[in-house]
Amino acid sequence: MSTQAFLSDLPDECLNAPDCGDEAYGSHQSPNVDTTSSAAIVAAVHSFLQRLPYRHPNNPQNVKLRREISDEIVSWNTGLSADHIEQITDTSCGTAECTYAHTGYEHQRFVALYTACLTFVDDLGYKNIELVGEFVQRFTRGQPQPLPALSRLQGLLAEVYDYCPRVSADAIVTSTMDGISGMYTELITKGYIVQPEAVRYPYHLRIRTGIAVGYAHLTFTKEWARDAGHMYLQVVPEVEAITVGFNDILSFYKETLVGDTGNYIHMRATAERRSPLTVLEELIEENLDSARKIKKFAASQTGLTEICHSSLMGYIEFHLNARRYHLEGIVDGTRYLPAS
């Protein structure tokens, strides 16, 4: 069966859905936007950036990388619109160019391809849930994947050992499996209300669907670890926490604008019986604490401070640059440029 046949029974608005991968689909939607809440979120975001403190690294776009990734997505022949292909390319390459700016071109290319595939999978679940649900089973059994993007992702998981230390590569593979299983879980539990007895569930699901373990381990290259050893593994849990935490903080403004309440902050607020704004403020404190711990730990190992600083600042820069988060109208990146 062809790729198009797998997707032919899906409405065009699903196939070319904007803002894919940030829980925009399958969430509880509200047409009413609370402008007071939006203003409070803007203030919270600025406070977060100032207290971190954020310094805009001004990483450049890589034209060659973006052309390669765009061509790769087109080769999947999935019928995506040109705008959707551009969105996936921008997200994937922006992640690589900014968050992993401390790594070389080949490592960044791997990250961009990996992210493009995962973004496609996340989208796919709202078109063909079973293809997402079957991915891990097919992977485990060594069976071929039915779509080019899924086959590409399966191949990348074999290649990751060329870019990261074995222990990190193992973690990236298992995190990918757990993440796709988490996406499937999210789909089959759509509409469920998180109960107060399940207060840990929102974070349990978020850390999985955000592929937090995988992206944290991608920070540390095989070449660097060959000389530095494995002490860095002790800081990985905090990097995992900010991988999802920074995203939840910086995507909440966009989610509020569109009335999306299917995100981590709202799920946690429901479980804890608190307001979303209160949870946002607490999440900011938690992530600032994680950032402080990362900075303090990194000082104990040569080269780790530079890696962690570049990654954290780049990760925020990615969010400020990416169209999908709509932050360009409320945050001026030049305001955070380092003093010359």
Protein backbone atom coordinates (compact mmCIF):
# COMPACT_ATOMS: atom_id res chain seq x y z
CA MET A 1 0.00 0.00 0.00
CA SER A 2 1.32 3.47 -0.87
CA THR A 3 2.02 6.26 1.58
CA GLN A 4 -0.85 8.27 0.14
CA ALA A 5 -3.23 5.33 0.57
CA PHE A 6 -2.49 5.20 4.28
CA LEU A 7 -3.48 8.84 4.59
CA SER A 8 -6.15 9.14 1.89
CA ASP A 9 -9.10 8.82 4.26
CA LEU A 10 -7.97 11.77 6.34
CA PRO A 11 -9.30 15.31 6.01
CA ASP A 12 -6.89 17.79 4.48
CA GLU A 13 -7.03 20.01 7.55
CA CYS A 14 -5.57 17.14 9.59
CA LEU A 15 -2.88 16.27 7.07
CA ASN A 16 -1.72 19.86 6.91
CA ALA A 17 -2.47 20.82 10.50
CA PRO A 18 -0.47 23.83 11.76
CA ASP A 19 1.46 23.96 15.02
CA CYS A 20 1.84 20.20 15.06
CA GLY A 21 3.52 18.52 17.99
CA ASP A 22 2.47 20.90 20.76
CA GLU A 23 -0.74 19.15 21.78
CA ALA A 24 -2.85 21.52 19.65
CA TYR A 25 -4.97 18.61 18.48
CA GLY A 26 -6.89 16.31 20.79
CA SER A 27 -6.92 18.91 23.54
CA HIS A 28 -9.89 20.56 25.22
CA GLN A 29 -10.50 23.77 23.34
CA SER A 30 -12.16 26.98 24.50
CA PRO A 31 -13.03 29.82 22.10
CA ASN A 32 -12.72 32.40 24.88
CA VAL A 33 -9.33 33.98 25.51
CA ASP A 34 -8.77 35.50 28.94
CA THR A 35 -6.85 38.69 28.15
CA THR A 36 -6.02 39.25 31.81
CA SER A 37 -4.51 35.79 31.98
CA SER A 38 -2.56 36.45 28.76
CA ALA A 39 -1.09 39.62 30.26
CA ALA A 40 -0.09 37.69 33.38
CA ILE A 41 1.56 35.03 31.24
CA VAL A 42 3.56 37.66 29.34
CA ALA A 43 4.76 39.10 32.64
CA ALA A 44 5.67 35.63 33.90
CA VAL A 45 7.66 34.85 30.73
CA HIS A 46 9.66 38.08 31.02
CA SER A 47 10.32 37.44 34.69
CA PHE A 48 11.53 33.93 33.85
CA LEU A 49 13.92 35.18 31.17
CA GLN A 50 15.30 37.95 33.38
CA ARG A 51 15.84 35.76 36.42
CA LEU A 52 17.47 32.90 34.51
CA PRO A 53 19.16 35.15 33.24
CA TYR A 54 18.71 34.71 29.49
CA ARG A 55 21.38 35.92 27.10
CA HIS A 56 20.45 35.79 23.41
CA PRO A 57 23.16 33.78 21.59
CA ASN A 58 22.06 34.91 18.13
CA ASN A 59 22.80 31.57 16.45
CA PRO A 60 22.51 31.78 12.65
CA GLN A 61 20.30 29.66 10.44
CA ASN A 62 22.09 27.02 8.38
CA VAL A 63 20.81 27.24 4.80
CA LYS A 64 22.43 23.95 3.79
CA LEU A 65 20.86 22.10 6.73
CA ARG A 66 17.42 23.53 6.04
CA ARG A 67 17.60 22.58 2.39
CA GLU A 68 18.64 19.01 3.24
CA ILE A 69 15.87 18.54 5.80
CA SER A 70 13.22 20.06 3.55
CA ASP A 71 14.28 17.76 0.69
CA GLU A 72 14.14 14.78 3.06
CA ILE A 73 10.58 15.59 4.15
CA VAL A 74 9.47 16.03 0.53
CA SER A 75 10.96 12.61 -0.31
CA TRP A 76 8.55 10.97 2.16
CA ASN A 77 5.75 11.69 -0.34
CA THR A 78 3.09 12.17 2.33
CA GLY A 79 1.10 14.91 0.63
CA LEU A 80 2.05 17.60 3.13
CA SER A 81 1.50 21.18 2.01
CA ALA A 82 4.49 23.39 1.29
CA ASP A 83 3.66 25.46 4.38
CA HIS A 84 3.53 22.39 6.61
CA ILE A 85 6.86 21.16 5.24
CA GLU A 86 8.32 24.58 6.00
CA GLN A 87 6.94 24.44 9.55
CA ILE A 88 8.47 21.01 10.24
CA THR A 89 11.75 22.16 8.68
CA ASP A 90 11.81 25.32 10.77
CA THR A 91 11.10 23.42 14.00
CA SER A 92 13.58 20.64 13.29
CA CYS A 93 16.42 22.81 12.07
CA GLY A 94 15.78 25.50 14.66
CA THR A 95 16.12 22.89 17.39
CA ALA A 96 19.43 21.69 15.95
CA GLU A 97 20.86 25.13 15.13
CA CYS A 98 20.08 26.67 18.50
CA THR A 99 19.90 23.99 21.20
CA TYR A 100 22.80 21.98 19.77
CA ALA A 101 24.88 24.88 18.44
CA HIS A 102 27.85 23.57 20.45
CA THR A 103 27.95 20.44 18.24
CA GLY A 104 29.20 19.94 14.69
CA TYR A 105 27.21 19.88 11.46
CA GLU A 106 26.70 16.11 11.31
CA HIS A 107 25.39 15.99 14.88
CA GLN A 108 23.03 18.87 14.16
CA ARG A 109 21.87 17.15 10.98
CA PHE A 110 21.08 14.03 12.98
CA VAL A 111 19.09 16.05 15.54
CA ALA A 112 17.17 17.83 12.78
CA LEU A 113 16.26 14.58 10.99
CA TYR A 114 15.31 12.93 14.26
CA THR A 115 13.09 15.87 15.21
CA ALA A 116 11.46 15.97 11.77
CA CYS A 117 10.57 12.29 12.05
CA LEU A 118 9.17 12.66 15.57
CA THR A 119 7.14 15.70 14.55
CA PHE A 120 5.68 13.66 11.71
CA VAL A 121 4.83 10.80 14.09
CA ASP A 122 3.15 13.19 16.51
CA ASP A 123 1.04 14.55 13.64
CA LEU A 124 0.32 11.09 12.30
CA GLY A 125 -1.50 10.03 15.44
CA TYR A 126 -4.40 12.33 14.64
CA LYS A 127 -4.72 10.74 11.22
CA ASN A 128 -3.92 7.07 11.79
CA ILE A 129 -3.63 6.16 15.45
CA GLU A 130 -2.76 2.52 14.76
CA LEU A 131 0.38 3.37 12.80
CA VAL A 132 1.66 5.18 15.87
CA GLY A 133 0.56 2.38 18.17
CA GLU A 134 2.30 -0.25 16.04
CA PHE A 135 5.67 1.52 15.72
CA VAL A 136 7.31 0.10 18.85
CA GLN A 137 6.00 -3.40 18.16
CA ARG A 138 7.35 -3.33 14.61
CA PHE A 139 10.67 -1.95 15.85
CA THR A 140 11.00 -4.65 18.50
CA ARG A 141 10.15 -7.44 16.07
CA GLY A 142 12.48 -6.11 13.38
CA GLN A 143 9.57 -5.62 11.00
CA PRO A 144 9.58 -2.95 8.29
CA GLN A 145 7.72 0.28 8.98
CA PRO A 146 4.88 1.10 6.56
CA LEU A 147 5.81 4.74 5.86
CA PRO A 148 9.11 6.31 4.71
CA ALA A 149 9.27 8.71 7.67
CA LEU A 150 8.82 5.84 10.11
CA SER A 151 11.48 3.79 8.33
CA ARG A 152 13.79 6.78 8.46
CA LEU A 153 13.26 7.13 12.20
CA GLN A 154 13.95 3.44 12.75
CA GLY A 155 17.20 3.79 10.80
CA LEU A 156 18.25 6.87 12.75
CA LEU A 157 18.00 4.93 15.99
CA ALA A 158 20.68 2.58 14.68
CA GLU A 159 22.85 5.55 13.65
CA VAL A 160 22.66 7.36 17.01
CA TYR A 161 25.58 5.28 18.31
CA ASP A 162 27.79 7.16 15.84
CA TYR A 163 27.00 10.47 17.54
CA CYS A 164 26.57 9.80 21.26
CA PRO A 165 28.29 7.65 23.91
CA ARG A 166 26.82 4.14 24.10
CA VAL A 167 25.02 4.76 27.39
CA SER A 168 23.43 7.92 25.99
CA ALA A 169 22.58 6.27 22.68
CA ASP A 170 20.84 3.48 24.58
CA ALA A 171 18.85 6.09 26.49
CA ILE A 172 17.89 7.90 23.28
CA VAL A 173 16.58 4.68 21.74
CA THR A 174 14.53 3.72 24.79
CA SER A 175 13.28 7.31 25.23
CA THR A 176 12.11 7.32 21.62
CA MET A 177 10.19 4.08 22.14
CA ASP A 178 8.72 5.38 25.38
CA GLY A 179 7.90 8.72 23.75
CA ILE A 180 5.99 7.20 20.85
CA SER A 181 4.20 4.88 23.28
CA GLY A 182 3.38 8.01 25.30
CA MET A 183 1.96 9.70 22.19
CA TYR A 184 -0.23 6.65 21.67
CA THR A 185 -1.27 6.76 25.32
CA GLU A 186 -2.20 10.42 24.94
CA LEU A 187 -4.37 9.58 21.94
CA ILE A 188 -6.25 6.66 23.47
CA THR A 189 -6.92 8.61 26.69
CA LYS A 190 -8.16 11.73 24.90
CA GLY A 191 -10.90 13.43 26.89
CA TYR A 192 -10.07 11.79 30.20
CA ILE A 193 -10.09 14.12 33.20
CA VAL A 194 -7.02 13.79 35.42
CA GLN A 195 -8.14 12.79 38.90
CA PRO A 196 -6.71 14.32 42.10
CA GLU A 197 -5.38 10.90 43.11
CA ALA A 198 -3.31 10.85 39.90
CA VAL A 199 -1.30 13.98 40.68
CA ARG A 200 1.93 12.48 39.27
CA TYR A 201 0.33 11.41 36.00
CA PRO A 202 0.69 14.71 34.06
CA TYR A 203 4.47 14.78 34.57
CA HIS A 204 4.76 11.04 33.92
CA LEU A 205 3.10 11.50 30.54
CA ARG A 206 4.85 14.79 29.73
CA ILE A 207 8.37 13.50 30.29
CA ARG A 208 7.57 10.63 27.92
CA THR A 209 5.84 12.52 25.11
CA GLY A 210 8.46 15.27 25.24
CA ILE A 211 11.22 12.70 24.58
CA ALA A 212 12.98 14.53 27.41
CA VAL A 213 15.49 11.78 28.14
CA GLY A 214 16.46 11.47 24.49
CA TYR A 215 16.94 15.18 23.86
CA ALA A 216 18.87 15.59 27.11
CA HIS A 217 21.34 12.88 26.12
CA LEU A 218 21.75 14.34 22.62
CA THR A 219 23.42 17.31 24.31
CA PHE A 220 26.56 15.25 24.95
CA THR A 221 28.56 14.09 21.95
CA LYS A 222 30.52 10.88 21.64
CA GLU A 223 33.72 12.78 20.87
CA TRP A 224 33.42 15.01 23.96
CA ALA A 225 32.56 12.14 26.32
CA ARG A 226 35.51 10.10 25.06
CA ASP A 227 37.80 12.55 26.85
CA ALA A 228 35.47 13.78 29.60
CA GLY A 229 34.12 10.45 30.85
CA HIS A 230 30.63 9.83 32.19
CA MET A 231 30.29 12.25 35.09
CA TYR A 232 27.85 14.23 32.92
CA LEU A 233 25.22 11.52 33.44
CA GLN A 234 24.51 12.92 36.90
CA VAL A 235 23.25 16.21 35.46
CA VAL A 236 21.02 14.57 32.84
CA PRO A 237 17.89 14.43 35.08
CA GLU A 238 17.94 18.21 35.49
CA VAL A 239 18.45 18.64 31.73
CA GLU A 240 15.46 16.34 31.20
CA ALA A 241 13.37 18.52 33.51
CA ILE A 242 14.12 21.75 31.63
CA THR A 243 13.67 20.04 28.25
CA VAL A 244 9.96 19.78 28.95
CA GLY A 245 9.77 22.59 31.52
CA PHE A 246 11.19 25.39 29.37
CA ASN A 247 8.91 24.30 26.55
CA ASP A 248 5.84 24.27 28.79
CA ILE A 249 6.64 27.77 30.05
CA LEU A 250 7.39 29.26 26.63
CA SER A 251 4.54 27.58 24.75
CA PHE A 252 1.85 28.47 27.29
CA TYR A 253 1.26 31.93 25.82
CA LYS A 254 0.44 30.48 22.41
CA GLU A 255 -1.74 27.79 23.95
CA THR A 256 -3.68 30.41 25.90
CA LEU A 257 -4.23 32.49 22.75
CA VAL A 258 -5.86 29.56 20.95
CA GLY A 259 -7.78 28.31 23.98
CA ASP A 260 -5.83 25.05 24.22
CA THR A 261 -6.24 23.45 27.65
CA GLY A 262 -4.85 20.02 26.78
CA ASN A 263 -1.31 20.91 27.85
CA TYR A 264 0.78 19.90 30.86
CA ILE A 265 0.08 23.07 32.84
CA HIS A 266 -3.68 22.64 32.58
CA MET A 267 -3.50 18.90 33.28
CA ARG A 268 -1.40 19.54 36.37
CA ALA A 269 -3.71 22.35 37.47
CA THR A 270 -6.70 20.02 37.17
CA ALA A 271 -4.99 17.25 39.16
CA GLU A 272 -3.76 19.64 41.86
CA ARG A 273 -6.98 21.67 41.95
CA ARG A 274 -5.15 24.92 41.39
CA SER A 275 -5.26 27.65 38.77
CA PRO A 276 -3.14 27.29 35.61
CA LEU A 277 -1.39 30.60 36.36
CA THR A 278 -0.39 29.35 39.82
CA VAL A 279 1.01 26.18 38.24
CA LEU A 280 2.89 28.26 35.63
CA GLU A 281 4.49 30.35 38.36
CA GLU A 282 5.48 27.24 40.31
CA LEU A 283 6.83 25.61 37.16
CA ILE A 284 9.01 28.65 36.56
CA GLU A 285 10.46 28.33 40.06
CA GLU A 286 11.11 24.62 39.55
CA ASN A 287 12.92 25.23 36.27
CA LEU A 288 14.97 28.12 37.59
CA ASP A 289 16.07 25.77 40.36
CA SER A 290 17.02 23.11 37.80
CA ALA A 291 18.99 25.69 35.80
CA ARG A 292 20.90 26.71 38.94
CA LYS A 293 21.72 23.08 39.71
CA ILE A 294 22.94 22.52 36.16
CA LYS A 295 25.18 25.59 36.34
CA LYS A 296 26.63 24.55 39.69
CA PHE A 297 27.22 20.94 38.64
CA ALA A 298 28.71 21.90 35.27
CA ALA A 299 31.42 23.93 36.99
CA SER A 300 32.87 20.69 38.35
CA GLN A 301 33.92 19.36 34.93
CA THR A 302 36.02 20.92 32.20
CA GLY A 303 33.99 21.99 29.19
CA LEU A 304 30.62 21.16 30.71
CA THR A 305 29.78 24.75 31.64
CA GLU A 306 30.16 25.86 28.03
CA ILE A 307 28.06 22.96 26.75
CA CYS A 308 25.23 23.47 29.22
CA HIS A 309 25.17 27.25 28.86
CA SER A 310 25.09 27.02 25.07
CA SER A 311 22.34 24.41 25.16
CA LEU A 312 20.11 26.23 27.66
CA MET A 313 20.42 29.63 26.00
CA GLY A 314 19.99 28.07 22.56
CA TYR A 315 16.89 26.18 23.64
CA ILE A 316 15.23 29.42 24.69
CA GLU A 317 16.39 31.12 21.50
CA PHE A 318 14.73 28.35 19.49
CA HIS A 319 11.40 29.10 21.18
CA LEU A 320 11.76 32.84 20.62
CA ASN A 321 12.59 32.34 16.95
CA ALA A 322 10.03 29.65 16.07
CA ARG A 323 6.83 30.95 14.49
CA ARG A 324 4.73 28.33 16.23
CA TYR A 325 5.11 29.90 19.69
CA HIS A 326 4.05 33.45 18.69
CA LEU A 327 6.59 35.00 21.05
CA GLU A 328 8.01 37.48 18.55
CA GLY A 329 5.28 39.97 19.47
CA ILE A 330 5.93 39.88 23.21
CA VAL A 331 9.66 39.20 23.57
CA ASP A 332 12.38 41.22 21.87
CA GLY A 333 15.40 38.94 21.66
CA THR A 334 17.77 41.88 21.17
CA ARG A 335 16.82 43.04 24.65
CA TYR A 336 18.71 40.03 25.95
CA LEU A 337 21.86 40.37 23.86
CA PRO A 338 25.05 40.09 25.95
CA ALA A 339 26.75 43.39 26.68
CA SER A 340 29.54 44.06 24.20
